[in-house]
Amino acid sequence: MKQIITIAFLMVCLSMAVQAQKPFARDWMPGFYAGINWANQQFRGQEIGFSANPGWRAGFLLEKPITHRLTLSGTLSYSEMGSKRTAYTIDTENLSYLEFVFKATEYLPMGGTELLFSLGSFLAYGIDGERVVSNPGFPVAQQNVFNTPNYNRWDWGLTLDMGFRLRQGSFVKTGFQTAFSNVYQSPSSRYFNYGFSLAAGHNLGWRSFRTRSRKS
């Protein structure tokens, strides 16, 4: 069911791109952003206490207007996920991903700013990972856990953002993403990444695009 939802979303976005209006054909707006993650993991198969693990995210984006209010965009970013769980030991997982996000965004005018709402799908590849298991007086670190058999480097899922954008092109947004693939799988457990984020960034060319769109 999750795969069907993701495929349907991508088909809708591609359909909108094919039907893009000619006045916006030359508008390709690059940008950048940076922020923080509050990452965690869903767990199935065992009762263990989880808490959020903070991390960084930063990347570059390319946004394409489809109508005056709707855009499609692609983002390539570095994102830190993971979790901290406590049972008999303290187990901290820091996972670093190279992440591509494809999403659709709708903008709603609000005075001198615009509200934004985004829905997208992401594909991520694990480039580095560290797991630290802390026993009293015996810390144990395992570097690059993605090289171990049970860890899966590939991750994918859905993202949801909301925030606001200034006329000059700067934006602030908060987001949520949830993965559908297993980060770690064993006979008794499965882990799924999810988390919240807060980020700020800027799109080059947004102001000139808005000036032209008001005239068209």
C-alpha atoms as a PDB file:
ATOM      1  CA  MET A   1       0.000   0.000   0.000  1.00  0.00           C
ATOM      2  CA  LYS A   2       2.838   2.411   0.871  1.00  0.00           C
ATOM      3  CA  GLN A   3       4.521   1.692  -2.471  1.00  0.00           C
ATOM      4  CA  ILE A   4       1.267   2.394  -4.315  1.00  0.00           C
ATOM      5  CA  ILE A   5       0.844   5.764  -2.555  1.00  0.00           C
ATOM      6  CA  THR A   6       4.389   6.828  -3.449  1.00  0.00           C
ATOM      7  CA  ILE A   7       4.085   5.750  -7.107  1.00  0.00           C
ATOM      8  CA  ALA A   8       0.736   7.537  -7.435  1.00  0.00           C
ATOM      9  CA  PHE A   9       2.227  10.744  -6.018  1.00  0.00           C
ATOM     10  CA  LEU A  10       5.137  10.643  -8.496  1.00  0.00           C
ATOM     11  CA  MET A  11       2.753  10.062 -11.421  1.00  0.00           C
ATOM     12  CA  VAL A  12       0.655  13.090 -10.419  1.00  0.00           C
ATOM     13  CA  CYS A  13       3.775  15.289 -10.200  1.00  0.00           C
ATOM     14  CA  LEU A  14       5.017  14.143 -13.606  1.00  0.00           C
ATOM     15  CA  SER A  15       1.587  14.807 -15.091  1.00  0.00           C
ATOM     16  CA  MET A  16       1.647  18.366 -13.761  1.00  0.00           C
ATOM     17  CA  ALA A  17       5.125  18.879 -15.189  1.00  0.00           C
ATOM     18  CA  VAL A  18       3.988  17.807 -18.663  1.00  0.00           C
ATOM     19  CA  GLN A  19       1.123  20.313 -18.447  1.00  0.00           C
ATOM     20  CA  ALA A  20       3.373  23.177 -17.306  1.00  0.00           C
ATOM     21  CA  GLN A  21       2.320  26.590 -18.572  1.00  0.00           C
ATOM     22  CA  LYS A  22       4.599  28.238 -21.163  1.00  0.00           C
ATOM     23  CA  PRO A  23       5.050  31.580 -19.289  1.00  0.00           C
ATOM     24  CA  PHE A  24       7.131  29.710 -16.684  1.00  0.00           C
ATOM     25  CA  ALA A  25       9.227  27.603 -19.069  1.00  0.00           C
ATOM     26  CA  ARG A  26      12.404  29.638 -18.444  1.00  0.00           C
ATOM     27  CA  ASP A  27      12.069  29.755 -14.655  1.00  0.00           C
ATOM     28  CA  TRP A  28      14.489  27.330 -13.017  1.00  0.00           C
ATOM     29  CA  MET A  29      15.353  28.650  -9.572  1.00  0.00           C
ATOM     30  CA  PRO A  30      18.352  27.184  -7.714  1.00  0.00           C
ATOM     31  CA  GLY A  31      18.621  27.540  -3.959  1.00  0.00           C
ATOM     32  CA  PHE A  32      20.129  26.258  -0.757  1.00  0.00           C
ATOM     33  CA  TYR A  33      19.010  25.523   2.799  1.00  0.00           C
ATOM     34  CA  ALA A  34      20.263  24.300   6.179  1.00  0.00           C
ATOM     35  CA  GLY A  35      18.624  23.211   9.407  1.00  0.00           C
ATOM     36  CA  ILE A  36      18.324  20.604  12.134  1.00  0.00           C
ATOM     37  CA  ASN A  37      16.665  17.194  12.464  1.00  0.00           C
ATOM     38  CA  TRP A  38      14.956  15.649  15.461  1.00  0.00           C
ATOM     39  CA  ALA A  39      15.379  12.073  14.292  1.00  0.00           C
ATOM     40  CA  ASN A  40      13.927   8.921  15.745  1.00  0.00           C
ATOM     41  CA  GLN A  41      13.021   5.375  14.754  1.00  0.00           C
ATOM     42  CA  GLN A  42       9.835   3.361  14.751  1.00  0.00           C
ATOM     43  CA  PHE A  43      10.356  -0.032  16.254  1.00  0.00           C
ATOM     44  CA  ARG A  44       8.473  -3.288  15.839  1.00  0.00           C
ATOM     45  CA  GLY A  45       8.972  -6.576  17.574  1.00  0.00           C
ATOM     46  CA  GLN A  46      10.297  -5.520  20.987  1.00  0.00           C
ATOM     47  CA  GLU A  47       9.500  -3.027  23.760  1.00  0.00           C
ATOM     48  CA  ILE A  48      12.366  -0.513  24.070  1.00  0.00           C
ATOM     49  CA  GLY A  49      12.310   3.161  25.091  1.00  0.00           C
ATOM     50  CA  PHE A  50      13.215   5.540  22.217  1.00  0.00           C
ATOM     51  CA  SER A  51      14.084   9.239  22.317  1.00  0.00           C
ATOM     52  CA  ALA A  52      14.941  11.758  19.594  1.00  0.00           C
ATOM     53  CA  ASN A  53      18.495  12.139  18.351  1.00  0.00           C
ATOM     54  CA  PRO A  54      19.351  15.667  17.040  1.00  0.00           C
ATOM     55  CA  GLY A  55      21.336  16.074  13.817  1.00  0.00           C
ATOM     56  CA  TRP A  56      22.073  18.434  10.929  1.00  0.00           C
ATOM     57  CA  ARG A  57      20.717  18.702   7.422  1.00  0.00           C
ATOM     58  CA  ALA A  58      21.842  20.945   4.532  1.00  0.00           C
ATOM     59  CA  GLY A  59      21.567  20.878   0.774  1.00  0.00           C
ATOM     60  CA  PHE A  60      20.866  22.425  -2.600  1.00  0.00           C
ATOM     61  CA  LEU A  61      17.573  22.612  -4.453  1.00  0.00           C
ATOM     62  CA  LEU A  62      16.203  23.366  -7.901  1.00  0.00           C
ATOM     63  CA  GLU A  63      12.604  24.602  -8.134  1.00  0.00           C
ATOM     64  CA  LYS A  64      10.394  24.834 -11.230  1.00  0.00           C
ATOM     65  CA  PRO A  65       7.100  26.800 -11.265  1.00  0.00           C
ATOM     66  CA  ILE A  66       4.148  24.988 -12.831  1.00  0.00           C
ATOM     67  CA  THR A  67       1.500  27.656 -12.157  1.00  0.00           C
ATOM     68  CA  HIS A  68       1.440  30.915 -10.180  1.00  0.00           C
ATOM     69  CA  ARG A  69       0.958  28.925  -6.968  1.00  0.00           C
ATOM     70  CA  LEU A  70       2.346  25.445  -7.652  1.00  0.00           C
ATOM     71  CA  THR A  71       5.984  24.335  -8.091  1.00  0.00           C
ATOM     72  CA  LEU A  72       7.950  21.107  -8.457  1.00  0.00           C
ATOM     73  CA  SER A  73      11.413  20.793  -6.963  1.00  0.00           C
ATOM     74  CA  GLY A  74      14.309  18.432  -6.443  1.00  0.00           C
ATOM     75  CA  THR A  75      16.632  18.603  -3.421  1.00  0.00           C
ATOM     76  CA  LEU A  76      20.007  16.955  -2.864  1.00  0.00           C
ATOM     77  CA  SER A  77      21.097  17.122   0.776  1.00  0.00           C
ATOM     78  CA  TYR A  78      23.135  15.686   3.607  1.00  0.00           C
ATOM     79  CA  SER A  79      20.911  14.496   6.456  1.00  0.00           C
ATOM     80  CA  GLU A  80      21.673  13.005   9.879  1.00  0.00           C
ATOM     81  CA  MET A  81      19.163  10.510  11.301  1.00  0.00           C
ATOM     82  CA  GLY A  82      19.189   7.898  14.063  1.00  0.00           C
ATOM     83  CA  SER A  83      17.853   7.488  17.586  1.00  0.00           C
ATOM     84  CA  LYS A  84      18.699   6.936  21.224  1.00  0.00           C
ATOM     85  CA  ARG A  85      17.094   4.039  23.057  1.00  0.00           C
ATOM     86  CA  THR A  86      17.400   2.990  26.657  1.00  0.00           C
ATOM     87  CA  ALA A  87      16.844  -0.464  28.115  1.00  0.00           C
ATOM     88  CA  TYR A  88      19.590  -2.262  30.029  1.00  0.00           C
ATOM     89  CA  THR A  89      22.103  -0.094  28.122  1.00  0.00           C
ATOM     90  CA  ILE A  90      22.089   3.277  26.348  1.00  0.00           C
ATOM     91  CA  ASP A  91      22.210   2.630  22.608  1.00  0.00           C
ATOM     92  CA  THR A  92      22.836   5.691  20.388  1.00  0.00           C
ATOM     93  CA  GLU A  93      22.696   5.466  16.611  1.00  0.00           C
ATOM     94  CA  ASN A  94      24.023   8.275  14.372  1.00  0.00           C
ATOM     95  CA  LEU A  95      23.281   7.638  10.684  1.00  0.00           C
ATOM     96  CA  SER A  96      24.365   9.985   7.863  1.00  0.00           C
ATOM     97  CA  TYR A  97      22.565   9.955   4.503  1.00  0.00           C
ATOM     98  CA  LEU A  98      22.863  11.519   1.086  1.00  0.00           C
ATOM     99  CA  GLU A  99      19.214  12.258   0.346  1.00  0.00           C
ATOM    100  CA  PHE A 100      17.271  13.184  -2.805  1.00  0.00           C
ATOM    101  CA  VAL A 101      13.759  14.613  -2.404  1.00  0.00           C
ATOM    102  CA  PHE A 102      11.238  15.223  -5.192  1.00  0.00           C
ATOM    103  CA  LYS A 103       8.189  17.232  -4.115  1.00  0.00           C
ATOM    104  CA  ALA A 104       5.300  19.472  -5.091  1.00  0.00           C
ATOM    105  CA  THR A 105       4.712  22.767  -3.244  1.00  0.00           C
ATOM    106  CA  GLU A 106       1.667  25.039  -3.138  1.00  0.00           C
ATOM    107  CA  TYR A 107       2.012  28.720  -2.150  1.00  0.00           C
ATOM    108  CA  LEU A 108      -0.804  30.754  -0.627  1.00  0.00           C
ATOM    109  CA  PRO A 109      -0.473  34.578  -0.470  1.00  0.00           C
ATOM    110  CA  MET A 110      -0.566  36.095   3.019  1.00  0.00           C
ATOM    111  CA  GLY A 111       0.270  39.811   3.070  1.00  0.00           C
ATOM    112  CA  GLY A 112       3.914  40.321   2.170  1.00  0.00           C
ATOM    113  CA  THR A 113       4.696  36.616   2.566  1.00  0.00           C
ATOM    114  CA  GLU A 114       3.445  33.298   1.212  1.00  0.00           C
ATOM    115  CA  LEU A 115       2.464  30.190   3.135  1.00  0.00           C
ATOM    116  CA  LEU A 116       3.921  26.996   1.666  1.00  0.00           C
ATOM    117  CA  PHE A 117       2.731  23.385   1.873  1.00  0.00           C
ATOM    118  CA  SER A 118       4.796  20.560   0.352  1.00  0.00           C
ATOM    119  CA  LEU A 119       4.328  16.848  -0.224  1.00  0.00           C
ATOM    120  CA  GLY A 120       7.146  14.715  -1.570  1.00  0.00           C
ATOM    121  CA  SER A 121       9.002  11.444  -1.745  1.00  0.00           C
ATOM    122  CA  PHE A 122      12.633  10.846  -0.783  1.00  0.00           C
ATOM    123  CA  LEU A 123      15.349   8.338  -1.628  1.00  0.00           C
ATOM    124  CA  ALA A 124      18.394   8.211   0.674  1.00  0.00           C
ATOM    125  CA  TYR A 125      21.720   6.367   0.685  1.00  0.00           C
ATOM    126  CA  GLY A 126      23.643   5.775   3.917  1.00  0.00           C
ATOM    127  CA  ILE A 127      27.201   7.100   3.677  1.00  0.00           C
ATOM    128  CA  ASP A 128      28.305   6.774   7.297  1.00  0.00           C
ATOM    129  CA  GLY A 129      26.963   5.417  10.567  1.00  0.00           C
ATOM    130  CA  GLU A 130      28.014   4.994  14.157  1.00  0.00           C
ATOM    131  CA  ARG A 131      26.422   2.939  16.893  1.00  0.00           C
ATOM    132  CA  VAL A 132      27.535   3.496  20.488  1.00  0.00           C
ATOM    133  CA  VAL A 133      26.390   1.089  23.186  1.00  0.00           C
ATOM    134  CA  SER A 134      27.109   2.410  26.680  1.00  0.00           C
ATOM    135  CA  ASN A 135      27.355   0.052  29.637  1.00  0.00           C
ATOM    136  CA  PRO A 136      28.462   1.400  33.022  1.00  0.00           C
ATOM    137  CA  GLY A 137      32.175   2.026  32.527  1.00  0.00           C
ATOM    138  CA  PHE A 138      32.342   0.132  29.202  1.00  0.00           C
ATOM    139  CA  PRO A 139      31.540   2.328  26.143  1.00  0.00           C
ATOM    140  CA  VAL A 140      31.677   0.396  22.869  1.00  0.00           C
ATOM    141  CA  ALA A 141      31.678   2.144  19.473  1.00  0.00           C
ATOM    142  CA  GLN A 142      31.060   0.466  16.145  1.00  0.00           C
ATOM    143  CA  GLN A 143      32.086   2.613  13.172  1.00  0.00           C
ATOM    144  CA  ASN A 144      30.237   2.586   9.819  1.00  0.00           C
ATOM    145  CA  VAL A 145      27.456   0.196  10.754  1.00  0.00           C
ATOM    146  CA  PHE A 146      26.265   0.170   7.115  1.00  0.00           C
ATOM    147  CA  ASN A 147      29.059  -2.315   6.418  1.00  0.00           C
ATOM    148  CA  THR A 148      27.417  -4.863   8.722  1.00  0.00           C
ATOM    149  CA  PRO A 149      24.998  -7.428   7.203  1.00  0.00           C
ATOM    150  CA  ASN A 150      21.795  -6.349   8.982  1.00  0.00           C
ATOM    151  CA  TYR A 151      21.964  -2.623   8.148  1.00  0.00           C
ATOM    152  CA  ASN A 152      20.370  -1.352   4.944  1.00  0.00           C
ATOM    153  CA  ARG A 153      22.044   1.638   3.231  1.00  0.00           C
ATOM    154  CA  TRP A 154      19.009   2.496   1.114  1.00  0.00           C
ATOM    155  CA  ASP A 155      16.040   4.316   2.631  1.00  0.00           C
ATOM    156  CA  TRP A 156      12.901   5.777   1.076  1.00  0.00           C
ATOM    157  CA  GLY A 157       9.584   7.282   2.118  1.00  0.00           C
ATOM    158  CA  LEU A 158       7.378  10.386   2.190  1.00  0.00           C
ATOM    159  CA  THR A 159       7.957  13.974   3.347  1.00  0.00           C
ATOM    160  CA  LEU A 160       5.593  16.765   4.399  1.00  0.00           C
ATOM    161  CA  ASP A 161       6.607  20.440   4.863  1.00  0.00           C
ATOM    162  CA  MET A 162       4.902  23.673   5.847  1.00  0.00           C
ATOM    163  CA  GLY A 163       6.264  27.170   6.380  1.00  0.00           C
ATOM    164  CA  PHE A 164       6.435  30.603   4.774  1.00  0.00           C
ATOM    165  CA  ARG A 165       8.441  32.412   2.097  1.00  0.00           C
ATOM    166  CA  LEU A 166       9.340  36.090   1.733  1.00  0.00           C
ATOM    167  CA  ARG A 167       9.037  37.902  -1.596  1.00  0.00           C
ATOM    168  CA  GLN A 168      12.834  38.098  -1.864  1.00  0.00           C
ATOM    169  CA  GLY A 169      13.021  34.295  -1.945  1.00  0.00           C
ATOM    170  CA  SER A 170      14.037  33.410   1.624  1.00  0.00           C
ATOM    171  CA  PHE A 171      11.989  30.759   3.425  1.00  0.00           C
ATOM    172  CA  VAL A 172      11.578  29.018   6.770  1.00  0.00           C
ATOM    173  CA  LYS A 173       9.871  25.646   7.040  1.00  0.00           C
ATOM    174  CA  THR A 174       9.224  22.766   9.380  1.00  0.00           C
ATOM    175  CA  GLY A 175       8.964  19.242   8.069  1.00  0.00           C
ATOM    176  CA  PHE A 176       8.128  15.636   8.839  1.00  0.00           C
ATOM    177  CA  GLN A 177       9.364  12.541   7.042  1.00  0.00           C
ATOM    178  CA  THR A 178       8.765   8.843   7.525  1.00  0.00           C
ATOM    179  CA  ALA A 179      10.571   5.956   5.875  1.00  0.00           C
ATOM    180  CA  PHE A 180       9.059   2.720   4.602  1.00  0.00           C
ATOM    181  CA  SER A 181      12.230   0.601   4.412  1.00  0.00           C
ATOM    182  CA  ASN A 182      14.012  -1.220   7.232  1.00  0.00           C
ATOM    183  CA  VAL A 183      17.160   0.414   8.593  1.00  0.00           C
ATOM    184  CA  TYR A 184      18.007  -2.701  10.563  1.00  0.00           C
ATOM    185  CA  GLN A 185      16.369  -6.080  10.347  1.00  0.00           C
ATOM    186  CA  SER A 186      16.720  -9.177  12.494  1.00  0.00           C
ATOM    187  CA  PRO A 187      14.403 -12.120  13.242  1.00  0.00           C
ATOM    188  CA  SER A 188      12.948 -10.269  16.243  1.00  0.00           C
ATOM    189  CA  SER A 189      12.992  -6.587  15.244  1.00  0.00           C
ATOM    190  CA  ARG A 190      12.649  -3.993  12.472  1.00  0.00           C
ATOM    191  CA  TYR A 191      13.540  -0.299  12.532  1.00  0.00           C
ATOM    192  CA  PHE A 192      12.114   2.552  10.423  1.00  0.00           C
ATOM    193  CA  ASN A 193      13.520   6.099  10.327  1.00  0.00           C
ATOM    194  CA  TYR A 194      11.267   9.097  10.900  1.00  0.00           C
ATOM    195  CA  GLY A 195      11.736  12.609  12.221  1.00  0.00           C
ATOM    196  CA  PHE A 196      10.926  16.314  12.318  1.00  0.00           C
ATOM    197  CA  SER A 197      13.055  19.132  10.929  1.00  0.00           C
ATOM    198  CA  LEU A 198      13.381  22.917  10.997  1.00  0.00           C
ATOM    199  CA  ALA A 199      15.230  24.668   8.169  1.00  0.00           C
ATOM    200  CA  ALA A 200      15.805  28.034   6.502  1.00  0.00           C
ATOM    201  CA  GLY A 201      17.026  28.790   2.998  1.00  0.00           C
ATOM    202  CA  HIS A 202      16.864  30.982  -0.090  1.00  0.00           C
ATOM    203  CA  ASN A 203      15.883  30.613  -3.760  1.00  0.00           C
ATOM    204  CA  LEU A 204      17.762  32.663  -6.356  1.00  0.00           C
ATOM    205  CA  GLY A 205      15.430  34.235  -8.914  1.00  0.00           C
ATOM    206  CA  TRP A 206      12.256  33.986  -6.833  1.00  0.00           C
ATOM    207  CA  ARG A 207      11.665  37.748  -6.716  1.00  0.00           C
ATOM    208  CA  SER A 208      11.986  38.173 -10.489  1.00  0.00           C
ATOM    209  CA  PHE A 209       9.692  35.167 -11.030  1.00  0.00           C
ATOM    210  CA  ARG A 210       7.030  36.702  -8.786  1.00  0.00           C
ATOM    211  CA  THR A 211       7.333  40.035 -10.602  1.00  0.00           C
ATOM    212  CA  ARG A 212       6.763  38.356 -13.975  1.00  0.00           C
ATOM    213  CA  SER A 213       3.962  36.123 -12.683  1.00  0.00           C
ATOM    214  CA  ARG A 214       1.991  39.153 -11.464  1.00  0.00           C
ATOM    215  CA  LYS A 215       2.189  40.673 -14.936  1.00  0.00           C
ATOM    216  CA  SER A 216       1.210  37.521 -16.852  1.00  0.00           C
END
